[in-house]
Amino acid sequence: MGGNPVDPQNMVVANILPVLFVTLLVGFYPRMQFSCVSYALIAFFLTSHTIGSHYTYEQVPFGIWLENNLNLPRNHFDRIAHFGFGLLMAFPLDELFGKMANLSTRMRWYLVCMTLMGLAAFWEILESWGARILHPEMGLAYLGAQGDIWDPQKDMAATLSGVLIWILIIVSSRIYSGSRLKNLSERTLALPHVSDHCRSRHQS
C-alpha cells in the first residue's frame, strides 16, 4: 500500500504510530507474546488503517461504493476504521492487562474502554496538529472531516461503540457457554438413572 499513495506525505505521517506499534510488538515478542487471535485482530485493523492512509480516508473506494449505493452524505470508511479500532483492539488489550496484573474482569473491561477512548482522542489531537503544521491552508479537508464539524467526536463515538459491542459479545458468549455447561452437567447426572432403569428392565 506504500506504492503510489494518493497523498504520500499523509501516508507517511498516518503510519508513524502504526510502524512504532509493530516495532514494539516485535521487540517485546520474546517477553510478551499474545495469542494468535490477538495477532490476527491487530493485523486486520492495521490493514484497514493502511488502506485508509493509502487512499486517504475520504477517497477509499469501498467507502465511495457504500456512499453511492446507500445514499450516504459522505464516505464513512473513517467511521468503519474507528469502529474497528474499538472492536478489534479490545481483545488484545484485554489480554495485555490480564498478563500485566491480576485484575478482575470488570476492571479489565473498564481499563480497555478507557485506554481505547484515550488513544482515539489522542489520535484526533495528533491529526489536528498534523493539519496545522503540514497543511494549515487545507484545514478540515486535510483532516478528512468532509465538512462535518463533529467529525472527531463521531470518530471517538465509533470507537466507543466498537468496545461496547466487544463487551456485549464476550458477555453473551459466557452466558451461552454457561448454559451449555449447565445443560451438559444435567444430562450427565441423569445418565446413571437411565442406565439403572434399563438394567432393571433387562434383569426382569
C-alpha atoms as a PDB file:
ATOM      1  CA  MET A   1       0.000   0.000   0.000  1.00  0.00           C
ATOM      2  CA  GLY A   2       3.029   2.265   0.156  1.00  0.00           C
ATOM      3  CA  GLY A   3       3.279   2.360  -3.625  1.00  0.00           C
ATOM      4  CA  ASN A   4       1.837   5.451  -5.312  1.00  0.00           C
ATOM      5  CA  PRO A   5      -0.393   6.650  -2.456  1.00  0.00           C
ATOM      6  CA  VAL A   6      -2.859   9.457  -3.143  1.00  0.00           C
ATOM      7  CA  ASP A   7      -1.085  11.732  -0.652  1.00  0.00           C
ATOM      8  CA  PRO A   8       2.482  10.496   0.084  1.00  0.00           C
ATOM      9  CA  GLN A   9       3.012  12.948   2.933  1.00  0.00           C
ATOM     10  CA  ASN A  10      -0.250  11.914   4.602  1.00  0.00           C
ATOM     11  CA  MET A  11       0.685   8.267   4.092  1.00  0.00           C
ATOM     12  CA  VAL A  12       3.966   8.723   5.959  1.00  0.00           C
ATOM     13  CA  VAL A  13       2.524  10.756   8.828  1.00  0.00           C
ATOM     14  CA  ALA A  14      -0.501   8.491   9.297  1.00  0.00           C
ATOM     15  CA  ASN A  15       1.692   5.390   9.637  1.00  0.00           C
ATOM     16  CA  ILE A  16       4.297   6.650  12.098  1.00  0.00           C
ATOM     17  CA  LEU A  17       2.399   5.341  15.127  1.00  0.00           C
ATOM     18  CA  PRO A  18       1.381   2.017  13.494  1.00  0.00           C
ATOM     19  CA  VAL A  19       5.007   1.333  12.494  1.00  0.00           C
ATOM     20  CA  LEU A  20       6.141   2.183  16.029  1.00  0.00           C
ATOM     21  CA  PHE A  21       3.439  -0.130  17.400  1.00  0.00           C
ATOM     22  CA  VAL A  22       4.542  -3.046  15.209  1.00  0.00           C
ATOM     23  CA  THR A  23       8.156  -2.396  16.187  1.00  0.00           C
ATOM     24  CA  LEU A  24       7.201  -2.678  19.864  1.00  0.00           C
ATOM     25  CA  LEU A  25       5.312  -5.914  19.204  1.00  0.00           C
ATOM     26  CA  VAL A  26       8.363  -7.414  17.514  1.00  0.00           C
ATOM     27  CA  GLY A  27      10.810  -6.082  20.112  1.00  0.00           C
ATOM     28  CA  PHE A  28       8.833  -7.370  23.100  1.00  0.00           C
ATOM     29  CA  TYR A  29       7.874 -10.671  21.469  1.00  0.00           C
ATOM     30  CA  PRO A  30      10.386 -12.773  23.475  1.00  0.00           C
ATOM     31  CA  ARG A  31       8.943 -11.432  26.761  1.00  0.00           C
ATOM     32  CA  MET A  32       5.357 -10.582  25.847  1.00  0.00           C
ATOM     33  CA  GLN A  33       3.551 -12.891  23.452  1.00  0.00           C
ATOM     34  CA  PHE A  34      -0.101 -12.639  22.511  1.00  0.00           C
ATOM     35  CA  SER A  35      -2.466 -15.294  21.249  1.00  0.00           C
ATOM     36  CA  CYS A  36      -2.893 -15.987  17.535  1.00  0.00           C
ATOM     37  CA  VAL A  37      -6.374 -14.458  17.746  1.00  0.00           C
ATOM     38  CA  SER A  38      -4.926 -11.184  19.054  1.00  0.00           C
ATOM     39  CA  TYR A  39      -2.286 -11.040  16.319  1.00  0.00           C
ATOM     40  CA  ALA A  40      -4.958 -11.706  13.678  1.00  0.00           C
ATOM     41  CA  LEU A  41      -7.190  -8.921  15.046  1.00  0.00           C
ATOM     42  CA  ILE A  42      -4.260  -6.492  15.187  1.00  0.00           C
ATOM     43  CA  ALA A  43      -3.271  -7.351  11.605  1.00  0.00           C
ATOM     44  CA  PHE A  44      -6.851  -6.876  10.402  1.00  0.00           C
ATOM     45  CA  PHE A  45      -7.119  -3.436  11.982  1.00  0.00           C
ATOM     46  CA  LEU A  46      -3.700  -2.290  10.735  1.00  0.00           C
ATOM     47  CA  THR A  47      -4.648  -3.449   7.234  1.00  0.00           C
ATOM     48  CA  SER A  48      -7.804  -1.313   7.261  1.00  0.00           C
ATOM     49  CA  HIS A  49      -5.815   1.668   8.528  1.00  0.00           C
ATOM     50  CA  THR A  50      -3.141   1.207   5.864  1.00  0.00           C
ATOM     51  CA  ILE A  51      -5.813   1.123   3.153  1.00  0.00           C
ATOM     52  CA  GLY A  52      -7.272   4.341   4.541  1.00  0.00           C
ATOM     53  CA  SER A  53      -3.893   6.067   4.627  1.00  0.00           C
ATOM     54  CA  HIS A  54      -3.071   4.918   1.069  1.00  0.00           C
ATOM     55  CA  TYR A  55      -6.196   6.404  -0.500  1.00  0.00           C
ATOM     56  CA  THR A  56      -6.836   8.972   2.272  1.00  0.00           C
ATOM     57  CA  TYR A  57      -9.958   8.037   4.204  1.00  0.00           C
ATOM     58  CA  GLU A  58     -12.073  10.405   2.150  1.00  0.00           C
ATOM     59  CA  GLN A  59     -11.294   8.564  -1.108  1.00  0.00           C
ATOM     60  CA  VAL A  60     -11.256   4.870  -0.141  1.00  0.00           C
ATOM     61  CA  PRO A  61     -13.105   3.028  -2.966  1.00  0.00           C
ATOM     62  CA  PHE A  62     -15.113   0.803  -0.607  1.00  0.00           C
ATOM     63  CA  GLY A  63     -16.369   3.860   1.279  1.00  0.00           C
ATOM     64  CA  ILE A  64     -17.302   5.542  -2.014  1.00  0.00           C
ATOM     65  CA  TRP A  65     -19.185   2.398  -3.031  1.00  0.00           C
ATOM     66  CA  LEU A  66     -21.140   2.461   0.235  1.00  0.00           C
ATOM     67  CA  GLU A  67     -21.793   6.174  -0.174  1.00  0.00           C
ATOM     68  CA  ASN A  68     -23.237   5.704  -3.669  1.00  0.00           C
ATOM     69  CA  ASN A  69     -25.251   2.552  -3.006  1.00  0.00           C
ATOM     70  CA  LEU A  70     -26.666   3.560   0.387  1.00  0.00           C
ATOM     71  CA  ASN A  71     -27.125   7.237  -0.479  1.00  0.00           C
ATOM     72  CA  LEU A  72     -24.873   8.335   2.388  1.00  0.00           C
ATOM     73  CA  PRO A  73     -23.906  12.011   2.780  1.00  0.00           C
ATOM     74  CA  ARG A  74     -20.164  11.204   2.949  1.00  0.00           C
ATOM     75  CA  ASN A  75     -17.511   8.480   2.749  1.00  0.00           C
ATOM     76  CA  HIS A  76     -17.814   6.644   6.051  1.00  0.00           C
ATOM     77  CA  PHE A  77     -14.693   4.476   5.784  1.00  0.00           C
ATOM     78  CA  ASP A  78     -13.084   6.516   8.565  1.00  0.00           C
ATOM     79  CA  ARG A  79     -16.016   5.677  10.844  1.00  0.00           C
ATOM     80  CA  ILE A  80     -15.592   1.999   9.958  1.00  0.00           C
ATOM     81  CA  ALA A  81     -11.886   2.175  10.821  1.00  0.00           C
ATOM     82  CA  HIS A  82     -12.542   3.862  14.175  1.00  0.00           C
ATOM     83  CA  PHE A  83     -15.267   1.327  14.957  1.00  0.00           C
ATOM     84  CA  GLY A  84     -12.849  -1.451  14.035  1.00  0.00           C
ATOM     85  CA  PHE A  85     -10.241   0.072  16.330  1.00  0.00           C
ATOM     86  CA  GLY A  86     -12.581  -0.306  19.291  1.00  0.00           C
ATOM     87  CA  LEU A  87     -13.915  -3.724  18.303  1.00  0.00           C
ATOM     88  CA  LEU A  88     -10.706  -5.395  17.100  1.00  0.00           C
ATOM     89  CA  MET A  89      -8.157  -3.946  19.529  1.00  0.00           C
ATOM     90  CA  ALA A  90     -10.227  -4.589  22.666  1.00  0.00           C
ATOM     91  CA  PHE A  91      -9.367  -8.297  22.806  1.00  0.00           C
ATOM     92  CA  PRO A  92      -5.557  -7.851  22.537  1.00  0.00           C
ATOM     93  CA  LEU A  93      -5.658  -5.047  25.096  1.00  0.00           C
ATOM     94  CA  ASP A  94      -7.708  -7.166  27.489  1.00  0.00           C
ATOM     95  CA  GLU A  95      -5.167  -9.945  27.043  1.00  0.00           C
ATOM     96  CA  LEU A  96      -2.348  -7.484  27.778  1.00  0.00           C
ATOM     97  CA  PHE A  97      -3.949  -6.285  31.024  1.00  0.00           C
ATOM     98  CA  GLY A  98      -4.516  -9.908  32.014  1.00  0.00           C
ATOM     99  CA  LYS A  99      -0.804 -10.622  31.613  1.00  0.00           C
ATOM    100  CA  MET A 100       0.353  -7.487  33.436  1.00  0.00           C
ATOM    101  CA  ALA A 101      -1.718  -7.698  36.624  1.00  0.00           C
ATOM    102  CA  ASN A 102      -4.207  -9.855  38.465  1.00  0.00           C
ATOM    103  CA  LEU A 103      -7.280  -7.739  37.758  1.00  0.00           C
ATOM    104  CA  SER A 104     -10.950  -8.569  37.940  1.00  0.00           C
ATOM    105  CA  THR A 105     -12.852  -8.981  34.698  1.00  0.00           C
ATOM    106  CA  ARG A 106     -14.811  -5.772  35.182  1.00  0.00           C
ATOM    107  CA  MET A 107     -11.668  -3.796  35.961  1.00  0.00           C
ATOM    108  CA  ARG A 108     -10.007  -5.099  32.776  1.00  0.00           C
ATOM    109  CA  TRP A 109     -13.034  -4.107  30.716  1.00  0.00           C
ATOM    110  CA  TYR A 110     -13.004  -0.645  32.284  1.00  0.00           C
ATOM    111  CA  LEU A 111      -9.302  -0.208  31.512  1.00  0.00           C
ATOM    112  CA  VAL A 112      -9.793  -1.471  27.955  1.00  0.00           C
ATOM    113  CA  CYS A 113     -12.605   1.028  27.374  1.00  0.00           C
ATOM    114  CA  MET A 114     -10.752   3.981  28.903  1.00  0.00           C
ATOM    115  CA  THR A 115      -7.474   3.153  27.147  1.00  0.00           C
ATOM    116  CA  LEU A 116      -9.019   2.854  23.700  1.00  0.00           C
ATOM    117  CA  MET A 117     -11.063   6.014  24.189  1.00  0.00           C
ATOM    118  CA  GLY A 118      -7.916   7.835  25.318  1.00  0.00           C
ATOM    119  CA  LEU A 119      -5.995   6.585  22.273  1.00  0.00           C
ATOM    120  CA  ALA A 120      -8.853   7.600  19.968  1.00  0.00           C
ATOM    121  CA  ALA A 121      -8.830  11.112  21.457  1.00  0.00           C
ATOM    122  CA  PHE A 122      -5.020  11.237  21.231  1.00  0.00           C
ATOM    123  CA  TRP A 123      -5.218  10.325  17.539  1.00  0.00           C
ATOM    124  CA  GLU A 124      -7.665  13.157  16.879  1.00  0.00           C
ATOM    125  CA  ILE A 125      -5.309  15.579  18.636  1.00  0.00           C
ATOM    126  CA  LEU A 126      -2.366  14.364  16.530  1.00  0.00           C
ATOM    127  CA  GLU A 127      -4.436  14.803  13.375  1.00  0.00           C
ATOM    128  CA  SER A 128      -5.197  18.419  14.313  1.00  0.00           C
ATOM    129  CA  TRP A 129      -1.505  19.073  14.987  1.00  0.00           C
ATOM    130  CA  GLY A 130      -0.558  17.492  11.678  1.00  0.00           C
ATOM    131  CA  ALA A 131      -3.089  19.636   9.826  1.00  0.00           C
ATOM    132  CA  ARG A 132      -1.779  22.828  11.431  1.00  0.00           C
ATOM    133  CA  ILE A 133       1.871  22.006  10.778  1.00  0.00           C
ATOM    134  CA  LEU A 134       1.753  20.323   7.351  1.00  0.00           C
ATOM    135  CA  HIS A 135      -1.319  21.749   5.614  1.00  0.00           C
ATOM    136  CA  PRO A 136      -2.679  24.731   7.558  1.00  0.00           C
ATOM    137  CA  GLU A 137      -4.293  26.089   4.397  1.00  0.00           C
ATOM    138  CA  MET A 138      -6.382  22.946   3.891  1.00  0.00           C
ATOM    139  CA  GLY A 139      -7.872  22.768   7.373  1.00  0.00           C
ATOM    140  CA  LEU A 140     -10.833  20.371   7.586  1.00  0.00           C
ATOM    141  CA  ALA A 141     -10.052  18.917   4.164  1.00  0.00           C
ATOM    142  CA  TYR A 142      -6.732  17.511   5.419  1.00  0.00           C
ATOM    143  CA  LEU A 143      -8.411  16.030   8.485  1.00  0.00           C
ATOM    144  CA  GLY A 144     -10.887  14.151   6.301  1.00  0.00           C
ATOM    145  CA  ALA A 145     -13.837  15.693   8.120  1.00  0.00           C
ATOM    146  CA  GLN A 146     -15.666  16.069   4.797  1.00  0.00           C
ATOM    147  CA  GLY A 147     -17.489  19.134   6.039  1.00  0.00           C
ATOM    148  CA  ASP A 148     -18.597  17.578   9.343  1.00  0.00           C
ATOM    149  CA  ILE A 149     -17.625  19.833  12.258  1.00  0.00           C
ATOM    150  CA  TRP A 150     -18.374  16.995  14.694  1.00  0.00           C
ATOM    151  CA  ASP A 151     -16.091  14.529  12.925  1.00  0.00           C
ATOM    152  CA  PRO A 152     -13.659  13.985  15.869  1.00  0.00           C
ATOM    153  CA  GLN A 153     -16.494  13.379  18.326  1.00  0.00           C
ATOM    154  CA  LYS A 154     -18.230  10.958  15.967  1.00  0.00           C
ATOM    155  CA  ASP A 155     -14.968   9.095  15.351  1.00  0.00           C
ATOM    156  CA  MET A 156     -14.460   8.666  19.099  1.00  0.00           C
ATOM    157  CA  ALA A 157     -18.091   7.586  19.464  1.00  0.00           C
ATOM    158  CA  ALA A 158     -17.472   4.948  16.788  1.00  0.00           C
ATOM    159  CA  THR A 159     -14.526   3.641  18.827  1.00  0.00           C
ATOM    160  CA  LEU A 160     -16.683   3.521  21.957  1.00  0.00           C
ATOM    161  CA  SER A 161     -19.390   1.636  20.057  1.00  0.00           C
ATOM    162  CA  GLY A 162     -16.842  -0.954  18.971  1.00  0.00           C
ATOM    163  CA  VAL A 163     -15.629  -1.502  22.541  1.00  0.00           C
ATOM    164  CA  LEU A 164     -19.179  -1.814  23.913  1.00  0.00           C
ATOM    165  CA  ILE A 165     -20.115  -4.330  21.227  1.00  0.00           C
ATOM    166  CA  TRP A 166     -16.990  -6.343  22.094  1.00  0.00           C
ATOM    167  CA  ILE A 167     -18.047  -6.409  25.760  1.00  0.00           C
ATOM    168  CA  LEU A 168     -21.566  -7.456  24.716  1.00  0.00           C
ATOM    169  CA  ILE A 169     -20.150 -10.293  22.597  1.00  0.00           C
ATOM    170  CA  ILE A 170     -17.964 -11.519  25.486  1.00  0.00           C
ATOM    171  CA  VAL A 171     -20.841 -11.406  27.989  1.00  0.00           C
ATOM    172  CA  SER A 172     -23.206 -13.166  25.573  1.00  0.00           C
ATOM    173  CA  SER A 173     -20.660 -15.890  24.802  1.00  0.00           C
ATOM    174  CA  ARG A 174     -20.067 -16.509  28.523  1.00  0.00           C
ATOM    175  CA  ILE A 175     -23.787 -16.733  29.222  1.00  0.00           C
ATOM    176  CA  TYR A 176     -24.213 -19.124  26.290  1.00  0.00           C
ATOM    177  CA  SER A 177     -21.222 -21.232  27.368  1.00  0.00           C
ATOM    178  CA  GLY A 178     -22.508 -21.329  30.951  1.00  0.00           C
ATOM    179  CA  SER A 179     -25.949 -22.502  29.856  1.00  0.00           C
ATOM    180  CA  ARG A 180     -24.399 -25.223  27.664  1.00  0.00           C
ATOM    181  CA  LEU A 181     -22.210 -26.459  30.524  1.00  0.00           C
ATOM    182  CA  LYS A 182     -25.230 -26.484  32.850  1.00  0.00           C
ATOM    183  CA  ASN A 183     -27.283 -28.498  30.368  1.00  0.00           C
ATOM    184  CA  LEU A 184     -24.381 -30.907  29.839  1.00  0.00           C
ATOM    185  CA  SER A 185     -23.949 -31.453  33.591  1.00  0.00           C
ATOM    186  CA  GLU A 186     -27.681 -32.083  33.991  1.00  0.00           C
ATOM    187  CA  ARG A 187     -27.584 -34.686  31.219  1.00  0.00           C
ATOM    188  CA  THR A 188     -24.547 -36.346  32.799  1.00  0.00           C
ATOM    189  CA  LEU A 189     -26.284 -36.567  36.165  1.00  0.00           C
ATOM    190  CA  ALA A 190     -29.362 -38.039  34.514  1.00  0.00           C
ATOM    191  CA  LEU A 191     -27.498 -40.806  32.674  1.00  0.00           C
ATOM    192  CA  PRO A 192     -26.956 -43.132  35.683  1.00  0.00           C
ATOM    193  CA  HIS A 193     -30.695 -43.170  36.368  1.00  0.00           C
ATOM    194  CA  VAL A 194     -31.408 -44.082  32.779  1.00  0.00           C
ATOM    195  CA  SER A 195     -28.781 -46.820  32.956  1.00  0.00           C
ATOM    196  CA  ASP A 196     -30.241 -48.243  36.208  1.00  0.00           C
ATOM    197  CA  HIS A 197     -33.713 -48.232  34.698  1.00  0.00           C
ATOM    198  CA  CYS A 198     -32.523 -50.108  31.614  1.00  0.00           C
ATOM    199  CA  ARG A 199     -30.604 -52.576  33.809  1.00  0.00           C
ATOM    200  CA  SER A 200     -33.675 -53.335  35.974  1.00  0.00           C
ATOM    201  CA  ARG A 201     -35.806 -53.933  32.867  1.00  0.00           C
ATOM    202  CA  HIS A 202     -33.174 -56.298  31.448  1.00  0.00           C
ATOM    203  CA  GLN A 203     -32.987 -58.280  34.717  1.00  0.00           C
ATOM    204  CA  SER A 204     -36.760 -58.607  34.921  1.00  0.00           C
END
